[in-house]
PDB file of N, CA and C in Angstrom:
ATOM      1  N   MET A   1       0.807  -1.189  -0.062  1.00  0.00           N
ATOM      2  CA  MET A   1      -0.137   0.100  -0.052  1.00  0.00           C
ATOM      3  C   MET A   1       0.883   1.362   0.030  1.00  0.00           C
ATOM      4  N   THR A   2       0.633   2.309  -0.767  1.00  0.00           N
ATOM      5  CA  THR A   2       1.345   3.471  -0.880  1.00  0.00           C
ATOM      6  C   THR A   2       0.629   4.562  -0.258  1.00  0.00           C
ATOM      7  N   THR A   3       1.561   5.377   0.426  1.00  0.00           N
ATOM      8  CA  THR A   3       0.912   6.585   1.166  1.00  0.00           C
ATOM      9  C   THR A   3       1.522   7.720   0.399  1.00  0.00           C
ATOM     10  N   MET A   4       0.718   8.766   0.360  1.00  0.00           N
ATOM     11  CA  MET A   4       1.145  10.088  -0.363  1.00  0.00           C
ATOM     12  C   MET A   4       1.278  11.161   0.748  1.00  0.00           C
ATOM     13  N   THR A   5       2.280  11.671   0.699  1.00  0.00           N
ATOM     14  CA  THR A   5       2.472  12.903   1.593  1.00  0.00           C
ATOM     15  C   THR A   5       1.979  14.274   0.898  1.00  0.00           C
ATOM     16  N   HIS A   6       1.374  15.188   1.611  1.00  0.00           N
ATOM     17  CA  HIS A   6       0.961  16.418   1.104  1.00  0.00           C
ATOM     18  C   HIS A   6       1.915  17.500   1.416  1.00  0.00           C
ATOM     19  N   GLY A   7       1.815  18.500   0.417  1.00  0.00           N
ATOM     20  CA  GLY A   7       2.688  19.699   0.718  1.00  0.00           C
ATOM     21  C   GLY A   7       2.288  20.511   1.996  1.00  0.00           C
ATOM     22  N   PRO A   8       2.906  21.448   2.246  1.00  0.00           N
ATOM     23  CA  PRO A   8       2.565  22.343   3.534  1.00  0.00           C
ATOM     24  C   PRO A   8       1.340  22.910   3.348  1.00  0.00           C
ATOM     25  N   SER A   9       0.594  23.106   4.458  1.00  0.00           N
ATOM     26  CA  SER A   9      -0.690  23.767   4.373  1.00  0.00           C
ATOM     27  C   SER A   9      -0.709  25.060   4.156  1.00  0.00           C
ATOM     28  N   THR A  10      -1.610  25.737   3.271  1.00  0.00           N
ATOM     29  CA  THR A  10      -1.748  27.111   2.949  1.00  0.00           C
ATOM     30  C   THR A  10      -2.719  27.686   3.599  1.00  0.00           C
ATOM     31  N   ASP A  11      -3.506  27.030   4.562  1.00  0.00           N
ATOM     32  CA  ASP A  11      -4.609  27.623   5.318  1.00  0.00           C
ATOM     33  C   ASP A  11      -3.890  28.585   6.311  1.00  0.00           C
ATOM     34  N   THR A  12      -4.547  29.782   6.647  1.00  0.00           N
ATOM     35  CA  THR A  12      -4.176  30.672   7.620  1.00  0.00           C
ATOM     36  C   THR A  12      -5.029  30.597   8.729  1.00  0.00           C
ATOM     37  N   PRO A  13      -4.228  30.819   9.977  1.00  0.00           N
ATOM     38  CA  PRO A  13      -5.016  30.792  11.344  1.00  0.00           C
ATOM     39  C   PRO A  13      -6.253  31.775  11.209  1.00  0.00           C
ATOM     40  N   ALA A  14      -7.259  31.437  11.958  1.00  0.00           N
ATOM     41  CA  ALA A  14      -8.486  32.080  11.998  1.00  0.00           C
ATOM     42  C   ALA A  14      -8.326  33.523  12.504  1.00  0.00           C
ATOM     43  N   GLY A  15      -7.346  33.731  13.244  1.00  0.00           N
ATOM     44  CA  GLY A  15      -7.171  35.132  13.877  1.00  0.00           C
ATOM     45  C   GLY A  15      -6.312  36.110  13.050  1.00  0.00           C
ATOM     46  N   ASP A  16      -5.768  35.497  12.035  1.00  0.00           N
ATOM     47  CA  ASP A  16      -4.828  36.464  11.124  1.00  0.00           C
ATOM     48  C   ASP A  16      -5.793  37.039  10.072  1.00  0.00           C
ATOM     49  N   ARG A  17      -6.191  38.269  10.329  1.00  0.00           N
ATOM     50  CA  ARG A  17      -7.156  38.901   9.284  1.00  0.00           C
ATOM     51  C   ARG A  17      -6.473  39.584   8.244  1.00  0.00           C
ATOM     52  N   ARG A  18      -5.079  39.861   8.429  1.00  0.00           N
ATOM     53  CA  ARG A  18      -4.413  40.428   7.183  1.00  0.00           C
ATOM     54  C   ARG A  18      -4.131  39.540   6.125  1.00  0.00           C
ATOM     55  N   ALA A  19      -4.036  38.176   6.383  1.00  0.00           N
ATOM     56  CA  ALA A  19      -3.892  37.190   5.426  1.00  0.00           C
ATOM     57  C   ALA A  19      -5.006  36.964   4.453  1.00  0.00           C
ATOM     58  N   ARG A  20      -6.114  37.374   4.950  1.00  0.00           N
ATOM     59  CA  ARG A  20      -7.423  37.159   4.196  1.00  0.00           C
ATOM     60  C   ARG A  20      -7.679  37.910   2.882  1.00  0.00           C
ATOM     61  N   GLY A  21      -6.959  39.008   2.780  1.00  0.00           N
ATOM     62  CA  GLY A  21      -7.020  39.924   1.638  1.00  0.00           C
ATOM     63  C   GLY A  21      -8.264  40.751   1.597  1.00  0.00           C
ATOM     64  N   GLY A  22      -8.402  41.638   0.718  1.00  0.00           N
ATOM     65  CA  GLY A  22      -9.476  42.521   0.766  1.00  0.00           C
ATOM     66  C   GLY A  22      -9.394  43.848   1.380  1.00  0.00           C
ATOM     67  N   ILE A  23     -10.369  44.572   1.406  1.00  0.00           N
ATOM     68  CA  ILE A  23     -10.361  45.851   1.924  1.00  0.00           C
ATOM     69  C   ILE A  23     -10.126  45.790   3.408  1.00  0.00           C
ATOM     70  N   ALA A  24     -10.751  44.831   4.090  1.00  0.00           N
ATOM     71  CA  ALA A  24     -10.564  44.778   5.587  1.00  0.00           C
ATOM     72  C   ALA A  24      -9.059  44.443   6.020  1.00  0.00           C
ATOM     73  N   ALA A  25      -8.394  43.773   4.987  1.00  0.00           N
ATOM     74  CA  ALA A  25      -6.880  43.633   5.325  1.00  0.00           C
ATOM     75  C   ALA A  25      -6.230  44.933   5.276  1.00  0.00           C
ATOM     76  N   ARG A  26      -6.639  45.742   4.499  1.00  0.00           N
ATOM     77  CA  ARG A  26      -5.717  46.998   4.281  1.00  0.00           C
ATOM     78  C   ARG A  26      -5.907  47.862   5.545  1.00  0.00           C
ATOM     79  N   LEU A  27      -7.151  47.902   6.117  1.00  0.00           N
ATOM     80  CA  LEU A  27      -7.326  48.632   7.359  1.00  0.00           C
ATOM     81  C   LEU A  27      -6.409  48.315   8.536  1.00  0.00           C
ATOM     82  N   PHE A  28      -5.844  47.133   8.482  1.00  0.00           N
ATOM     83  CA  PHE A  28      -4.864  46.885   9.707  1.00  0.00           C
ATOM     84  C   PHE A  28      -3.427  47.138   9.330  1.00  0.00           C
ATOM     85  N   VAL A  29      -3.086  47.814   8.253  1.00  0.00           N
ATOM     86  CA  VAL A  29      -1.787  48.247   7.815  1.00  0.00           C
ATOM     87  C   VAL A  29      -1.460  49.438   8.502  1.00  0.00           C
ATOM     88  N   PRO A  30      -0.415  49.627   9.308  1.00  0.00           N
ATOM     89  CA  PRO A  30      -0.092  51.072  10.110  1.00  0.00           C
ATOM     90  C   PRO A  30       0.252  51.980   9.080  1.00  0.00           C
ATOM     91  N   ALA A  31       0.744  51.710   7.955  1.00  0.00           N
ATOM     92  CA  ALA A  31       1.092  52.695   6.991  1.00  0.00           C
ATOM     93  C   ALA A  31       0.008  53.413   6.360  1.00  0.00           C
ATOM     94  N   PHE A  32      -1.106  52.747   6.284  1.00  0.00           N
ATOM     95  CA  PHE A  32      -2.444  53.287   5.817  1.00  0.00           C
ATOM     96  C   PHE A  32      -2.830  54.393   6.841  1.00  0.00           C
ATOM     97  N   TRP A  33      -2.914  54.070   8.155  1.00  0.00           N
ATOM     98  CA  TRP A  33      -3.384  55.052   9.133  1.00  0.00           C
ATOM     99  C   TRP A  33      -2.278  56.198   9.307  1.00  0.00           C
ATOM    100  N   GLY A  34      -1.106  56.013   8.998  1.00  0.00           N
ATOM    101  CA  GLY A  34       0.021  57.022   9.028  1.00  0.00           C
ATOM    102  C   GLY A  34      -0.297  58.006   7.926  1.00  0.00           C
ATOM    103  N   THR A  35      -0.617  57.514   6.771  1.00  0.00           N
ATOM    104  CA  THR A  35      -0.783  58.367   5.525  1.00  0.00           C
ATOM    105  C   THR A  35      -2.082  59.226   5.849  1.00  0.00           C
ATOM    106  N   VAL A  36      -3.219  58.475   6.378  1.00  0.00           N
ATOM    107  CA  VAL A  36      -4.421  59.210   6.698  1.00  0.00           C
ATOM    108  C   VAL A  36      -4.167  60.378   7.641  1.00  0.00           C
ATOM    109  N   ALA A  37      -3.254  60.143   8.673  1.00  0.00           N
ATOM    110  CA  ALA A  37      -3.032  61.233   9.736  1.00  0.00           C
ATOM    111  C   ALA A  37      -2.290  62.386   8.989  1.00  0.00           C
ATOM    112  N   ILE A  38      -1.386  62.007   8.207  1.00  0.00           N
ATOM    113  CA  ILE A  38      -0.615  63.095   7.703  1.00  0.00           C
ATOM    114  C   ILE A  38      -1.369  63.853   6.730  1.00  0.00           C
ATOM    115  N   VAL A  39      -2.336  63.158   5.825  1.00  0.00           N
ATOM    116  CA  VAL A  39      -3.117  63.942   4.983  1.00  0.00           C
ATOM    117  C   VAL A  39      -4.141  64.786   5.792  1.00  0.00           C
ATOM    118  N   ALA A  40      -4.845  64.452   6.964  1.00  0.00           N
ATOM    119  CA  ALA A  40      -5.588  65.030   7.679  1.00  0.00           C
ATOM    120  C   ALA A  40      -4.924  66.438   8.232  1.00  0.00           C
ATOM    121  N   MET A  41      -3.733  66.209   8.685  1.00  0.00           N
ATOM    122  CA  MET A  41      -3.041  67.300   9.116  1.00  0.00           C
ATOM    123  C   MET A  41      -2.833  68.457   8.133  1.00  0.00           C
ATOM    124  N   TRP A  42      -2.524  68.071   6.849  1.00  0.00           N
ATOM    125  CA  TRP A  42      -2.109  69.021   5.770  1.00  0.00           C
ATOM    126  C   TRP A  42      -3.450  69.562   5.253  1.00  0.00           C
ATOM    127  N   LEU A  43      -4.574  68.888   5.365  1.00  0.00           N
ATOM    128  CA  LEU A  43      -5.891  69.476   4.956  1.00  0.00           C
ATOM    129  C   LEU A  43      -6.519  70.393   5.915  1.00  0.00           C
ATOM    130  N   ALA A  44      -6.074  70.197   7.163  1.00  0.00           N
ATOM    131  CA  ALA A  44      -6.387  71.214   8.164  1.00  0.00           C
ATOM    132  C   ALA A  44      -5.620  72.590   7.903  1.00  0.00           C
ATOM    133  N   VAL A  45      -4.324  72.362   7.542  1.00  0.00           N
ATOM    134  CA  VAL A  45      -3.556  73.626   7.032  1.00  0.00           C
ATOM    135  C   VAL A  45      -4.124  74.137   5.888  1.00  0.00           C
ATOM    136  N   LEU A  46      -4.660  73.535   4.939  1.00  0.00           N
ATOM    137  CA  LEU A  46      -5.201  74.079   3.683  1.00  0.00           C
ATOM    138  C   LEU A  46      -6.401  74.776   4.039  1.00  0.00           C
ATOM    139  N   PHE A  47      -7.468  74.222   4.829  1.00  0.00           N
ATOM    140  CA  PHE A  47      -8.696  74.852   5.071  1.00  0.00           C
ATOM    141  C   PHE A  47      -8.468  76.031   6.128  1.00  0.00           C
ATOM    142  N   ASP A  48      -7.586  75.950   6.911  1.00  0.00           N
ATOM    143  CA  ASP A  48      -7.089  77.255   7.696  1.00  0.00           C
ATOM    144  C   ASP A  48      -6.622  78.327   6.811  1.00  0.00           C
ATOM    145  N   GLY A  49      -5.876  78.023   5.923  1.00  0.00           N
ATOM    146  CA  GLY A  49      -5.251  79.020   5.002  1.00  0.00           C
ATOM    147  C   GLY A  49      -6.287  79.706   4.169  1.00  0.00           C
ATOM    148  N   VAL A  50      -7.220  78.906   3.785  1.00  0.00           N
ATOM    149  CA  VAL A  50      -8.410  79.308   2.809  1.00  0.00           C
ATOM    150  C   VAL A  50      -9.436  80.222   3.779  1.00  0.00           C
ATOM    151  N   PHE A  51      -9.869  79.507   4.789  1.00  0.00           N
ATOM    152  CA  PHE A  51     -10.951  80.106   5.531  1.00  0.00           C
ATOM    153  C   PHE A  51     -10.631  80.776   6.907  1.00  0.00           C
ATOM    154  N   GLY A  52      -9.408  80.468   7.356  1.00  0.00           N
ATOM    155  CA  GLY A  52      -9.003  81.068   8.620  1.00  0.00           C
ATOM    156  C   GLY A  52      -8.724  82.519   8.584  1.00  0.00           C
ATOM    157  N   GLY A  53      -8.562  83.066   9.839  1.00  0.00           N
ATOM    158  CA  GLY A  53      -8.181  84.399   9.914  1.00  0.00           C
ATOM    159  C   GLY A  53      -6.775  84.752  10.089  1.00  0.00           C
ATOM    160  N   ASP A  54      -6.525  85.960  10.542  1.00  0.00           N
ATOM    161  CA  ASP A  54      -5.125  86.393  10.615  1.00  0.00           C
ATOM    162  C   ASP A  54      -4.870  86.342  12.160  1.00  0.00           C
ATOM    163  N   MET A  55      -3.550  86.291  12.576  1.00  0.00           N
ATOM    164  CA  MET A  55      -3.173  86.816  13.857  1.00  0.00           C
ATOM    165  C   MET A  55      -2.710  88.148  14.005  1.00  0.00           C
ATOM    166  N   VAL A  56      -3.250  88.952  14.697  1.00  0.00           N
ATOM    167  CA  VAL A  56      -2.732  90.419  14.732  1.00  0.00           C
ATOM    168  C   VAL A  56      -2.167  90.730  16.100  1.00  0.00           C
ATOM    169  N   PHE A  57      -0.757  91.232  15.949  1.00  0.00           N
ATOM    170  CA  PHE A  57      -0.058  91.606  17.191  1.00  0.00           C
ATOM    171  C   PHE A  57       0.116  93.063  17.238  1.00  0.00           C
ATOM    172  N   ASN A  58      -0.319  93.736  18.344  1.00  0.00           N
ATOM    173  CA  ASN A  58      -0.043  95.033  18.427  1.00  0.00           C
ATOM    174  C   ASN A  58       1.224  95.448  19.133  1.00  0.00           C
ATOM    175  N   ASN A  59       2.078  96.219  18.467  1.00  0.00           N
ATOM    176  CA  ASN A  59       3.294  96.630  19.141  1.00  0.00           C
ATOM    177  C   ASN A  59       3.308  98.148  19.430  1.00  0.00           C
ATOM    178  N   PRO A  60       3.640  98.641  20.432  1.00  0.00           N
ATOM    179  CA  PRO A  60       3.630  99.986  20.945  1.00  0.00           C
ATOM    180  C   PRO A  60       4.632 100.921  20.146  1.00  0.00           C
ATOM    181  N   THR A  61       5.707 100.289  19.549  1.00  0.00           N
ATOM    182  CA  THR A  61       6.489 100.938  18.762  1.00  0.00           C
ATOM    183  C   THR A  61       6.474 100.894  17.272  1.00  0.00           C
ATOM    184  N   ASN A  62       6.017  99.753  16.753  1.00  0.00           N
ATOM    185  CA  ASN A  62       5.915  99.527  15.345  1.00  0.00           C
ATOM    186  C   ASN A  62       4.495  99.414  14.727  1.00  0.00           C
ATOM    187  N   GLY A  63       3.656  99.571  15.566  1.00  0.00           N
ATOM    188  CA  GLY A  63       2.256  99.485  14.998  1.00  0.00           C
ATOM    189  C   GLY A  63       1.858  98.010  15.213  1.00  0.00           C
ATOM    190  N   THR A  64       1.216  97.331  14.207  1.00  0.00           N
ATOM    191  CA  THR A  64       0.674  96.124  14.210  1.00  0.00           C
ATOM    192  C   THR A  64       1.391  95.186  13.142  1.00  0.00           C
ATOM    193  N   THR A  65       1.390  93.717  13.660  1.00  0.00           N
ATOM    194  CA  THR A  65       2.018  92.773  12.789  1.00  0.00           C
ATOM    195  C   THR A  65       0.864  91.810  12.415  1.00  0.00           C
ATOM    196  N   THR A  66       0.668  91.391  11.211  1.00  0.00           N
ATOM    197  CA  THR A  66      -0.220  90.495  10.956  1.00  0.00           C
ATOM    198  C   THR A  66       0.270  89.338  10.248  1.00  0.00           C
ATOM    199  N   ILE A  67      -0.045  88.152  10.774  1.00  0.00           N
ATOM    200  CA  ILE A  67       0.554  86.769  10.200  1.00  0.00           C
ATOM    201  C   ILE A  67      -0.758  85.942   9.973  1.00  0.00           C
ATOM    202  N   PRO A  68      -0.763  85.221   8.935  1.00  0.00           N
ATOM    203  CA  PRO A  68      -1.729  84.221   8.663  1.00  0.00           C
ATOM    204  C   PRO A  68      -1.789  83.290   9.684  1.00  0.00           C
ATOM    205  N   SER A  69      -2.982  82.861  10.226  1.00  0.00           N
ATOM    206  CA  SER A  69      -2.925  81.687  11.099  1.00  0.00           C
ATOM    207  C   SER A  69      -2.611  80.401  10.675  1.00  0.00           C
ATOM    208  N   ALA A  70      -2.488  80.222   9.309  1.00  0.00           N
ATOM    209  CA  ALA A  70      -2.002  78.928   8.775  1.00  0.00           C
ATOM    210  C   ALA A  70      -0.571  78.722   8.956  1.00  0.00           C
ATOM    211  N   VAL A  71       0.193  79.691   9.188  1.00  0.00           N
ATOM    212  CA  VAL A  71       1.563  79.725   9.438  1.00  0.00           C
ATOM    213  C   VAL A  71       1.730  78.847  10.796  1.00  0.00           C
ATOM    214  N   LEU A  72       1.221  79.132  11.806  1.00  0.00           N
ATOM    215  CA  LEU A  72       1.168  78.525  13.018  1.00  0.00           C
ATOM    216  C   LEU A  72       0.727  77.104  12.818  1.00  0.00           C
ATOM    217  N   VAL A  73      -0.452  76.844  12.221  1.00  0.00           N
ATOM    218  CA  VAL A  73      -1.006  75.572  12.129  1.00  0.00           C
ATOM    219  C   VAL A  73      -0.059  74.684  11.195  1.00  0.00           C
ATOM    220  N   ALA A  74       0.658  75.214  10.165  1.00  0.00           N
ATOM    221  CA  ALA A  74       1.597  74.499   9.394  1.00  0.00           C
ATOM    222  C   ALA A  74       2.806  74.147  10.162  1.00  0.00           C
ATOM    223  N   LEU A  75       3.383  74.953  11.004  1.00  0.00           N
ATOM    224  CA  LEU A  75       4.384  74.652  12.047  1.00  0.00           C
ATOM    225  C   LEU A  75       4.102  73.401  12.679  1.00  0.00           C
ATOM    226  N   PHE A  76       3.023  73.259  13.324  1.00  0.00           N
ATOM    227  CA  PHE A  76       2.459  72.081  14.132  1.00  0.00           C
ATOM    228  C   PHE A  76       2.316  71.000  13.078  1.00  0.00           C
ATOM    229  N   ALA A  77       1.887  71.088  11.993  1.00  0.00           N
ATOM    230  CA  ALA A  77       1.727  69.998  11.029  1.00  0.00           C
ATOM    231  C   ALA A  77       3.054  69.475  10.540  1.00  0.00           C
ATOM    232  N   VAL A  78       4.079  70.377  10.421  1.00  0.00           N
ATOM    233  CA  VAL A  78       5.386  69.852  10.157  1.00  0.00           C
ATOM    234  C   VAL A  78       5.863  68.923  11.302  1.00  0.00           C
ATOM    235  N   ILE A  79       5.673  69.543  12.526  1.00  0.00           N
ATOM    236  CA  ILE A  79       6.184  68.606  13.715  1.00  0.00           C
ATOM    237  C   ILE A  79       5.301  67.303  13.792  1.00  0.00           C
ATOM    238  N   GLY A  80       4.039  67.457  13.544  1.00  0.00           N
ATOM    239  CA  GLY A  80       3.319  66.194  13.550  1.00  0.00           C
ATOM    240  C   GLY A  80       3.646  65.162  12.340  1.00  0.00           C
ATOM    241  N   THR A  81       3.798  65.719  11.185  1.00  0.00           N
ATOM    242  CA  THR A  81       4.276  64.827  10.088  1.00  0.00           C
ATOM    243  C   THR A  81       5.503  64.245  10.239  1.00  0.00           C
ATOM    244  N   ALA A  82       6.459  65.007  10.814  1.00  0.00           N
ATOM    245  CA  ALA A  82       7.671  64.346  11.174  1.00  0.00           C
ATOM    246  C   ALA A  82       7.714  63.232  12.141  1.00  0.00           C
ATOM    247  N   SER A  83       6.885  63.380  13.164  1.00  0.00           N
ATOM    248  CA  SER A  83       6.690  62.423  14.243  1.00  0.00           C
ATOM    249  C   SER A  83       6.005  61.089  13.667  1.00  0.00           C
ATOM    250  N   VAL A  84       4.822  61.414  13.014  1.00  0.00           N
ATOM    251  CA  VAL A  84       4.198  60.227  12.549  1.00  0.00           C
ATOM    252  C   VAL A  84       5.003  59.286  11.477  1.00  0.00           C
ATOM    253  N   ALA A  85       5.643  60.254  10.567  1.00  0.00           N
ATOM    254  CA  ALA A  85       6.452  59.614   9.581  1.00  0.00           C
ATOM    255  C   ALA A  85       7.601  58.644  10.286  1.00  0.00           C
ATOM    256  N   LYS A  86       8.193  59.141  11.336  1.00  0.00           N
ATOM    257  CA  LYS A  86       9.232  58.505  11.909  1.00  0.00           C
ATOM    258  C   LYS A  86       8.664  57.222  12.661  1.00  0.00           C
ATOM    259  N   ARG A  87       7.493  57.383  13.263  1.00  0.00           N
ATOM    260  CA  ARG A  87       6.973  56.320  13.882  1.00  0.00           C
ATOM    261  C   ARG A  87       6.414  55.167  12.945  1.00  0.00           C
ATOM    262  N   VAL A  88       5.626  55.479  11.956  1.00  0.00           N
ATOM    263  CA  VAL A  88       5.082  54.641  11.032  1.00  0.00           C
ATOM    264  C   VAL A  88       6.007  54.222   9.997  1.00  0.00           C
ATOM    265  N   PHE A  89       6.671  54.968   9.370  1.00  0.00           N
ATOM    266  CA  PHE A  89       7.469  54.714   8.181  1.00  0.00           C
ATOM    267  C   PHE A  89       8.989  54.536   8.420  1.00  0.00           C
ATOM    268  N   GLY A  90       9.393  54.650   9.666  1.00  0.00           N
ATOM    269  CA  GLY A  90      10.742  54.443  10.128  1.00  0.00           C
ATOM    270  C   GLY A  90      11.173  53.011  10.181  1.00  0.00           C
ATOM    271  N   PRO A  91      12.440  52.728  10.559  1.00  0.00           N
ATOM    272  CA  PRO A  91      12.894  51.370  10.772  1.00  0.00           C
ATOM    273  C   PRO A  91      12.237  50.596  11.809  1.00  0.00           C
ATOM    274  N   LYS A  92      11.978  49.371  11.524  1.00  0.00           N
ATOM    275  CA  LYS A  92      11.240  48.477  12.525  1.00  0.00           C
ATOM    276  C   LYS A  92      12.369  47.808  13.278  1.00  0.00           C
ATOM    277  N   ASN A  93      12.246  47.985  14.472  1.00  0.00           N
ATOM    278  CA  ASN A  93      13.158  47.081  15.426  1.00  0.00           C
ATOM    279  C   ASN A  93      12.403  45.966  15.952  1.00  0.00           C
ATOM    280  N   ASN A  94      12.600  44.751  15.621  1.00  0.00           N
ATOM    281  CA  ASN A  94      11.906  43.588  16.058  1.00  0.00           C
ATOM    282  C   ASN A  94      12.469  43.034  17.412  1.00  0.00           C
TER     283      ASN A  94
END
């Protein structure tokens, strides 16, 4: 009597959602959420630049200084983008 051996199993464990494929699998990728966070930060800068007001500073000697509020929001977006990019897209230490 002859016995046949089978190759390695291609079944994935039930708990591994990323191996199933499809849209649900893409939602578990950290790079996706990092990209969404960075895009949201820069959309906030865009909308603040278009619809936001100005910061007006009164100086007793020079009069007034006017700076668009998007400048300050963009500064924080740069800091946020750098930290998210370093965390999500940086080297992985296992």
